Amino acid sequence: MSGQINTDSLKKAEAAATLAKSMITQAIEQSSANQQLAEEALKQASQEIAQAQTLVSQVQSAIQAQQQQQQQQK
């Protein structure tokens, strides 16, 4: 399994980013009608973005660790 990217984590990050986009769109649509719903949508979007960033960072760290390990084996 060495040298492979964790696509499961990236798919989860993609889903979180898609959900965040949906929440931001909802906030835009609700901004004039219901500010409380808009604020809640933005809060949820922020949480989804943070989750996506964490997942992407974990994959990046794993890739860097694999690259370092490969360089040490040379």
PDB file of N, CA and C in Angstrom:
ATOM      1  N   MET A   1       0.817  -1.197   0.000  1.00  0.00           N
ATOM      2  CA  MET A   1       0.000   0.000   0.000  1.00  0.00           C
ATOM      3  C   MET A   1       0.860   1.259   0.000  1.00  0.00           C
ATOM      4  N   SER A   2       2.149   1.089   0.091  1.00  0.00           N
ATOM      5  CA  SER A   2       3.065   2.214   0.084  1.00  0.00           C
ATOM      6  C   SER A   2       2.955   3.002  -1.211  1.00  0.00           C
ATOM      7  N   GLY A   3       2.989   4.335  -1.072  1.00  0.00           N
ATOM      8  CA  GLY A   3       2.947   5.180  -2.253  1.00  0.00           C
ATOM      9  C   GLY A   3       1.549   5.529  -2.722  1.00  0.00           C
ATOM     10  N   GLN A   4       0.542   5.062  -2.034  1.00  0.00           N
ATOM     11  CA  GLN A   4      -0.828   5.359  -2.449  1.00  0.00           C
ATOM     12  C   GLN A   4      -1.408   6.487  -1.605  1.00  0.00           C
ATOM     13  N   ILE A   5      -2.214   7.320  -2.249  1.00  0.00           N
ATOM     14  CA  ILE A   5      -2.893   8.412  -1.561  1.00  0.00           C
ATOM     15  C   ILE A   5      -4.171   7.869  -0.937  1.00  0.00           C
ATOM     16  N   ASN A   6      -4.475   8.329   0.246  1.00  0.00           N
ATOM     17  CA  ASN A   6      -5.694   7.906   0.933  1.00  0.00           C
ATOM     18  C   ASN A   6      -6.898   8.604   0.290  1.00  0.00           C
ATOM     19  N   THR A   7      -7.451   7.969  -0.732  1.00  0.00           N
ATOM     20  CA  THR A   7      -8.558   8.585  -1.467  1.00  0.00           C
ATOM     21  C   THR A   7      -9.826   8.647  -0.626  1.00  0.00           C
ATOM     22  N   ASP A   8      -9.957   7.766   0.352  1.00  0.00           N
ATOM     23  CA  ASP A   8     -11.137   7.813   1.222  1.00  0.00           C
ATOM     24  C   ASP A   8     -11.179   9.143   1.977  1.00  0.00           C
ATOM     25  N   SER A   9     -10.050   9.547   2.505  1.00  0.00           N
ATOM     26  CA  SER A   9      -9.989  10.832   3.213  1.00  0.00           C
ATOM     27  C   SER A   9     -10.250  11.992   2.267  1.00  0.00           C
ATOM     28  N   LEU A  10      -9.730  11.902   1.060  1.00  0.00           N
ATOM     29  CA  LEU A  10      -9.952  12.980   0.099  1.00  0.00           C
ATOM     30  C   LEU A  10     -11.415  13.045  -0.329  1.00  0.00           C
ATOM     31  N   LYS A  11     -12.060  11.908  -0.451  1.00  0.00           N
ATOM     32  CA  LYS A  11     -13.493  11.900  -0.782  1.00  0.00           C
ATOM     33  C   LYS A  11     -14.308  12.512   0.346  1.00  0.00           C
ATOM     34  N   LYS A  12     -13.918  12.237   1.584  1.00  0.00           N
ATOM     35  CA  LYS A  12     -14.603  12.844   2.723  1.00  0.00           C
ATOM     36  C   LYS A  12     -14.388  14.361   2.724  1.00  0.00           C
ATOM     37  N   ALA A  13     -13.182  14.785   2.396  1.00  0.00           N
ATOM     38  CA  ALA A  13     -12.890  16.222   2.317  1.00  0.00           C
ATOM     39  C   ALA A  13     -13.709  16.878   1.214  1.00  0.00           C
ATOM     40  N   GLU A  14     -13.822  16.181   0.098  1.00  0.00           N
ATOM     41  CA  GLU A  14     -14.620  16.703  -1.011  1.00  0.00           C
ATOM     42  C   GLU A  14     -16.088  16.844  -0.599  1.00  0.00           C
ATOM     43  N   ALA A  15     -16.610  15.849   0.106  1.00  0.00           N
ATOM     44  CA  ALA A  15     -17.999  15.897   0.571  1.00  0.00           C
ATOM     45  C   ALA A  15     -18.200  17.056   1.546  1.00  0.00           C
ATOM     46  N   ALA A  16     -17.249  17.247   2.438  1.00  0.00           N
ATOM     47  CA  ALA A  16     -17.343  18.347   3.396  1.00  0.00           C
ATOM     48  C   ALA A  16     -17.307  19.697   2.681  1.00  0.00           C
ATOM     49  N   ALA A  17     -16.455  19.823   1.672  1.00  0.00           N
ATOM     50  CA  ALA A  17     -16.371  21.074   0.916  1.00  0.00           C
ATOM     51  C   ALA A  17     -17.656  21.324   0.136  1.00  0.00           C
ATOM     52  N   THR A  18     -18.233  20.275  -0.419  1.00  0.00           N
ATOM     53  CA  THR A  18     -19.491  20.401  -1.152  1.00  0.00           C
ATOM     54  C   THR A  18     -20.607  20.842  -0.208  1.00  0.00           C
ATOM     55  N   LEU A  19     -20.639  20.244   0.980  1.00  0.00           N
ATOM     56  CA  LEU A  19     -21.642  20.620   1.969  1.00  0.00           C
ATOM     57  C   LEU A  19     -21.441  22.074   2.403  1.00  0.00           C
ATOM     58  N   ALA A  20     -20.196  22.475   2.581  1.00  0.00           N
ATOM     59  CA  ALA A  20     -19.902  23.864   2.954  1.00  0.00           C
ATOM     60  C   ALA A  20     -20.400  24.822   1.877  1.00  0.00           C
ATOM     61  N   LYS A  21     -20.170  24.477   0.620  1.00  0.00           N
ATOM     62  CA  LYS A  21     -20.646  25.319  -0.484  1.00  0.00           C
ATOM     63  C   LYS A  21     -22.162  25.458  -0.434  1.00  0.00           C
ATOM     64  N   SER A  22     -22.841  24.361  -0.156  1.00  0.00           N
ATOM     65  CA  SER A  22     -24.293  24.380  -0.042  1.00  0.00           C
ATOM     66  C   SER A  22     -24.748  25.267   1.112  1.00  0.00           C
ATOM     67  N   MET A  23     -24.051  25.184   2.233  1.00  0.00           N
ATOM     68  CA  MET A  23     -24.396  26.005   3.393  1.00  0.00           C
ATOM     69  C   MET A  23     -24.174  27.492   3.109  1.00  0.00           C
ATOM     70  N   ILE A  24     -23.113  27.802   2.405  1.00  0.00           N
ATOM     71  CA  ILE A  24     -22.835  29.204   2.053  1.00  0.00           C
ATOM     72  C   ILE A  24     -23.913  29.730   1.105  1.00  0.00           C
ATOM     73  N   THR A  25     -24.297  28.915   0.135  1.00  0.00           N
ATOM     74  CA  THR A  25     -25.376  29.295  -0.779  1.00  0.00           C
ATOM     75  C   THR A  25     -26.665  29.539   0.003  1.00  0.00           C
ATOM     76  N   GLN A  26     -26.947  28.664   0.944  1.00  0.00           N
ATOM     77  CA  GLN A  26     -28.140  28.820   1.783  1.00  0.00           C
ATOM     78  C   GLN A  26     -28.068  30.123   2.582  1.00  0.00           C
ATOM     79  N   ALA A  27     -26.890  30.438   3.113  1.00  0.00           N
ATOM     80  CA  ALA A  27     -26.730  31.677   3.879  1.00  0.00           C
ATOM     81  C   ALA A  27     -26.989  32.897   3.006  1.00  0.00           C
ATOM     82  N   ILE A  28     -26.507  32.854   1.780  1.00  0.00           N
ATOM     83  CA  ILE A  28     -26.744  33.962   0.852  1.00  0.00           C
ATOM     84  C   ILE A  28     -28.243  34.127   0.600  1.00  0.00           C
ATOM     85  N   GLU A  29     -28.906  33.005   0.353  1.00  0.00           N
ATOM     86  CA  GLU A  29     -30.337  33.047   0.060  1.00  0.00           C
ATOM     87  C   GLU A  29     -31.149  33.512   1.269  1.00  0.00           C
ATOM     88  N   GLN A  30     -30.710  33.157   2.478  1.00  0.00           N
ATOM     89  CA  GLN A  30     -31.448  33.497   3.696  1.00  0.00           C
ATOM     90  C   GLN A  30     -31.060  34.855   4.280  1.00  0.00           C
ATOM     91  N   SER A  31     -30.003  35.459   3.757  1.00  0.00           N
ATOM     92  CA  SER A  31     -29.446  36.639   4.409  1.00  0.00           C
ATOM     93  C   SER A  31     -30.442  37.778   4.595  1.00  0.00           C
ATOM     94  N   SER A  32     -31.315  37.991   3.623  1.00  0.00           N
ATOM     95  CA  SER A  32     -32.263  39.091   3.782  1.00  0.00           C
ATOM     96  C   SER A  32     -33.531  38.659   4.516  1.00  0.00           C
ATOM     97  N   ALA A  33     -33.915  37.397   4.376  1.00  0.00           N
ATOM     98  CA  ALA A  33     -35.175  36.933   4.954  1.00  0.00           C
ATOM     99  C   ALA A  33     -35.032  36.509   6.419  1.00  0.00           C
ATOM    100  N   ASN A  34     -33.953  35.785   6.728  1.00  0.00           N
ATOM    101  CA  ASN A  34     -33.825  35.238   8.077  1.00  0.00           C
ATOM    102  C   ASN A  34     -32.345  35.195   8.460  1.00  0.00           C
ATOM    103  N   GLN A  35     -31.924  36.233   9.136  1.00  0.00           N
ATOM    104  CA  GLN A  35     -30.504  36.345   9.472  1.00  0.00           C
ATOM    105  C   GLN A  35     -30.048  35.231  10.413  1.00  0.00           C
ATOM    106  N   GLN A  36     -30.911  34.764  11.284  1.00  0.00           N
ATOM    107  CA  GLN A  36     -30.544  33.690  12.215  1.00  0.00           C
ATOM    108  C   GLN A  36     -30.217  32.399  11.450  1.00  0.00           C
ATOM    109  N   LEU A  37     -31.060  32.061  10.464  1.00  0.00           N
ATOM    110  CA  LEU A  37     -30.772  30.874   9.648  1.00  0.00           C
ATOM    111  C   LEU A  37     -29.498  31.059   8.837  1.00  0.00           C
ATOM    112  N   ALA A  38     -29.279  32.258   8.327  1.00  0.00           N
ATOM    113  CA  ALA A  38     -28.064  32.535   7.569  1.00  0.00           C
ATOM    114  C   ALA A  38     -26.824  32.356   8.442  1.00  0.00           C
ATOM    115  N   GLU A  39     -26.883  32.856   9.660  1.00  0.00           N
ATOM    116  CA  GLU A  39     -25.749  32.719  10.579  1.00  0.00           C
ATOM    117  C   GLU A  39     -25.483  31.251  10.913  1.00  0.00           C
ATOM    118  N   GLU A  40     -26.547  30.476  11.116  1.00  0.00           N
ATOM    119  CA  GLU A  40     -26.381  29.058  11.411  1.00  0.00           C
ATOM    120  C   GLU A  40     -25.775  28.322  10.216  1.00  0.00           C
ATOM    121  N   ALA A  41     -26.213  28.678   9.029  1.00  0.00           N
ATOM    122  CA  ALA A  41     -25.656  28.050   7.824  1.00  0.00           C
ATOM    123  C   ALA A  41     -24.170  28.364   7.683  1.00  0.00           C
ATOM    124  N   LEU A  42     -23.793  29.603   7.984  1.00  0.00           N
ATOM    125  CA  LEU A  42     -22.374  29.971   7.914  1.00  0.00           C
ATOM    126  C   LEU A  42     -21.555  29.250   8.974  1.00  0.00           C
ATOM    127  N   LYS A  43     -22.128  29.076  10.148  1.00  0.00           N
ATOM    128  CA  LYS A  43     -21.440  28.332  11.212  1.00  0.00           C
ATOM    129  C   LYS A  43     -21.195  26.887  10.775  1.00  0.00           C
ATOM    130  N   GLN A  44     -22.207  26.268  10.194  1.00  0.00           N
ATOM    131  CA  GLN A  44     -22.057  24.897   9.714  1.00  0.00           C
ATOM    132  C   GLN A  44     -21.046  24.826   8.572  1.00  0.00           C
ATOM    133  N   ALA A  45     -21.083  25.810   7.684  1.00  0.00           N
ATOM    134  CA  ALA A  45     -20.123  25.849   6.580  1.00  0.00           C
ATOM    135  C   ALA A  45     -18.700  25.936   7.111  1.00  0.00           C
ATOM    136  N   SER A  46     -18.504  26.766   8.125  1.00  0.00           N
ATOM    137  CA  SER A  46     -17.180  26.918   8.725  1.00  0.00           C
ATOM    138  C   SER A  46     -16.679  25.602   9.307  1.00  0.00           C
ATOM    139  N   GLN A  47     -17.567  24.867   9.957  1.00  0.00           N
ATOM    140  CA  GLN A  47     -17.191  23.571  10.525  1.00  0.00           C
ATOM    141  C   GLN A  47     -16.828  22.573   9.430  1.00  0.00           C
ATOM    142  N   GLU A  48     -17.571  22.576   8.346  1.00  0.00           N
ATOM    143  CA  GLU A  48     -17.290  21.662   7.240  1.00  0.00           C
ATOM    144  C   GLU A  48     -15.959  22.005   6.570  1.00  0.00           C
ATOM    145  N   ILE A  49     -15.689  23.299   6.429  1.00  0.00           N
ATOM    146  CA  ILE A  49     -14.417  23.720   5.840  1.00  0.00           C
ATOM    147  C   ILE A  49     -13.249  23.287   6.726  1.00  0.00           C
ATOM    148  N   ALA A  50     -13.413  23.438   8.028  1.00  0.00           N
ATOM    149  CA  ALA A  50     -12.358  23.011   8.958  1.00  0.00           C
ATOM    150  C   ALA A  50     -12.125  21.508   8.859  1.00  0.00           C
ATOM    151  N   GLN A  51     -13.206  20.749   8.744  1.00  0.00           N
ATOM    152  CA  GLN A  51     -13.066  19.292   8.620  1.00  0.00           C
ATOM    153  C   GLN A  51     -12.349  18.933   7.320  1.00  0.00           C
ATOM    154  N   ALA A  52     -12.733  19.590   6.231  1.00  0.00           N
ATOM    155  CA  ALA A  52     -12.085  19.321   4.947  1.00  0.00           C
ATOM    156  C   ALA A  52     -10.601  19.656   5.017  1.00  0.00           C
ATOM    157  N   GLN A  53     -10.265  20.780   5.632  1.00  0.00           N
ATOM    158  CA  GLN A  53      -8.860  21.175   5.750  1.00  0.00           C
ATOM    159  C   GLN A  53      -8.064  20.163   6.568  1.00  0.00           C
ATOM    160  N   THR A  54      -8.653  19.663   7.635  1.00  0.00           N
ATOM    161  CA  THR A  54      -7.985  18.658   8.468  1.00  0.00           C
ATOM    162  C   THR A  54      -7.714  17.393   7.665  1.00  0.00           C
ATOM    163  N   LEU A  55      -8.712  16.942   6.923  1.00  0.00           N
ATOM    164  CA  LEU A  55      -8.542  15.724   6.125  1.00  0.00           C
ATOM    165  C   LEU A  55      -7.463  15.901   5.063  1.00  0.00           C
ATOM    166  N   VAL A  56      -7.471  17.029   4.379  1.00  0.00           N
ATOM    167  CA  VAL A  56      -6.467  17.289   3.350  1.00  0.00           C
ATOM    168  C   VAL A  56      -5.074  17.368   3.981  1.00  0.00           C
ATOM    169  N   SER A  57      -4.978  18.019   5.118  1.00  0.00           N
ATOM    170  CA  SER A  57      -3.681  18.121   5.806  1.00  0.00           C
ATOM    171  C   SER A  57      -3.156  16.752   6.213  1.00  0.00           C
ATOM    172  N   GLN A  58      -4.043  15.876   6.664  1.00  0.00           N
ATOM    173  CA  GLN A  58      -3.629  14.526   7.040  1.00  0.00           C
ATOM    174  C   GLN A  58      -3.078  13.763   5.830  1.00  0.00           C
ATOM    175  N   VAL A  59      -3.736  13.908   4.696  1.00  0.00           N
ATOM    176  CA  VAL A  59      -3.258  13.240   3.480  1.00  0.00           C
ATOM    177  C   VAL A  59      -1.912  13.822   3.061  1.00  0.00           C
ATOM    178  N   GLN A  60      -1.787  15.152   3.120  1.00  0.00           N
ATOM    179  CA  GLN A  60      -0.509  15.784   2.759  1.00  0.00           C
ATOM    180  C   GLN A  60       0.617  15.304   3.665  1.00  0.00           C
ATOM    181  N   SER A  61       0.343  15.203   4.952  1.00  0.00           N
ATOM    182  CA  SER A  61       1.364  14.735   5.900  1.00  0.00           C
ATOM    183  C   SER A  61       1.774  13.298   5.593  1.00  0.00           C
ATOM    184  N   ALA A  62       0.796  12.470   5.255  1.00  0.00           N
ATOM    185  CA  ALA A  62       1.100  11.074   4.928  1.00  0.00           C
ATOM    186  C   ALA A  62       1.958  10.994   3.669  1.00  0.00           C
ATOM    187  N   ILE A  63       1.658  11.827   2.683  1.00  0.00           N
ATOM    188  CA  ILE A  63       2.447  11.841   1.446  1.00  0.00           C
ATOM    189  C   ILE A  63       3.882  12.282   1.744  1.00  0.00           C
ATOM    190  N   GLN A  64       4.020  13.328   2.544  1.00  0.00           N
ATOM    191  CA  GLN A  64       5.364  13.806   2.897  1.00  0.00           C
ATOM    192  C   GLN A  64       6.152  12.745   3.652  1.00  0.00           C
ATOM    193  N   ALA A  65       5.487  12.029   4.550  1.00  0.00           N
ATOM    194  CA  ALA A  65       6.158  10.970   5.303  1.00  0.00           C
ATOM    195  C   ALA A  65       6.610   9.854   4.371  1.00  0.00           C
ATOM    196  N   GLN A  66       5.765   9.508   3.402  1.00  0.00           N
ATOM    197  CA  GLN A  66       6.135   8.475   2.430  1.00  0.00           C
ATOM    198  C   GLN A  66       7.328   8.923   1.588  1.00  0.00           C
ATOM    199  N   GLN A  67       7.339  10.199   1.193  1.00  0.00           N
ATOM    200  CA  GLN A  67       8.445  10.707   0.388  1.00  0.00           C
ATOM    201  C   GLN A  67       9.751  10.692   1.182  1.00  0.00           C
ATOM    202  N   GLN A  68       9.674  11.071   2.446  1.00  0.00           N
ATOM    203  CA  GLN A  68      10.874  11.055   3.292  1.00  0.00           C
ATOM    204  C   GLN A  68      11.388   9.634   3.484  1.00  0.00           C
ATOM    205  N   GLN A  69      10.458   8.707   3.663  1.00  0.00           N
ATOM    206  CA  GLN A  69      10.836   7.318   3.841  1.00  0.00           C
ATOM    207  C   GLN A  69      11.489   6.786   2.573  1.00  0.00           C
ATOM    208  N   GLN A  70      10.960   7.135   1.419  1.00  0.00           N
ATOM    209  CA  GLN A  70      11.538   6.691   0.157  1.00  0.00           C
ATOM    210  C   GLN A  70      12.926   7.274  -0.054  1.00  0.00           C
ATOM    211  N   GLN A  71      13.111   8.529   0.342  1.00  0.00           N
ATOM    212  CA  GLN A  71      14.434   9.153   0.193  1.00  0.00           C
ATOM    213  C   GLN A  71      15.460   8.506   1.114  1.00  0.00           C
ATOM    214  N   GLN A  72      15.042   8.108   2.289  1.00  0.00           N
ATOM    215  CA  GLN A  72      15.948   7.469   3.236  1.00  0.00           C
ATOM    216  C   GLN A  72      16.363   6.077   2.761  1.00  0.00           C
ATOM    217  N   GLN A  73      15.498   5.427   1.980  1.00  0.00           N
ATOM    218  CA  GLN A  73      15.803   4.099   1.491  1.00  0.00           C
ATOM    219  C   GLN A  73      16.771   4.120   0.308  1.00  0.00           C
ATOM    220  N   LYS A  74      16.979   5.294  -0.272  1.00  0.00           N
ATOM    221  CA  LYS A  74      17.888   5.385  -1.438  1.00  0.00           C
ATOM    222  C   LYS A  74      19.337   5.406  -1.007  1.00  0.00           C
TER     223      LYS A  74
END
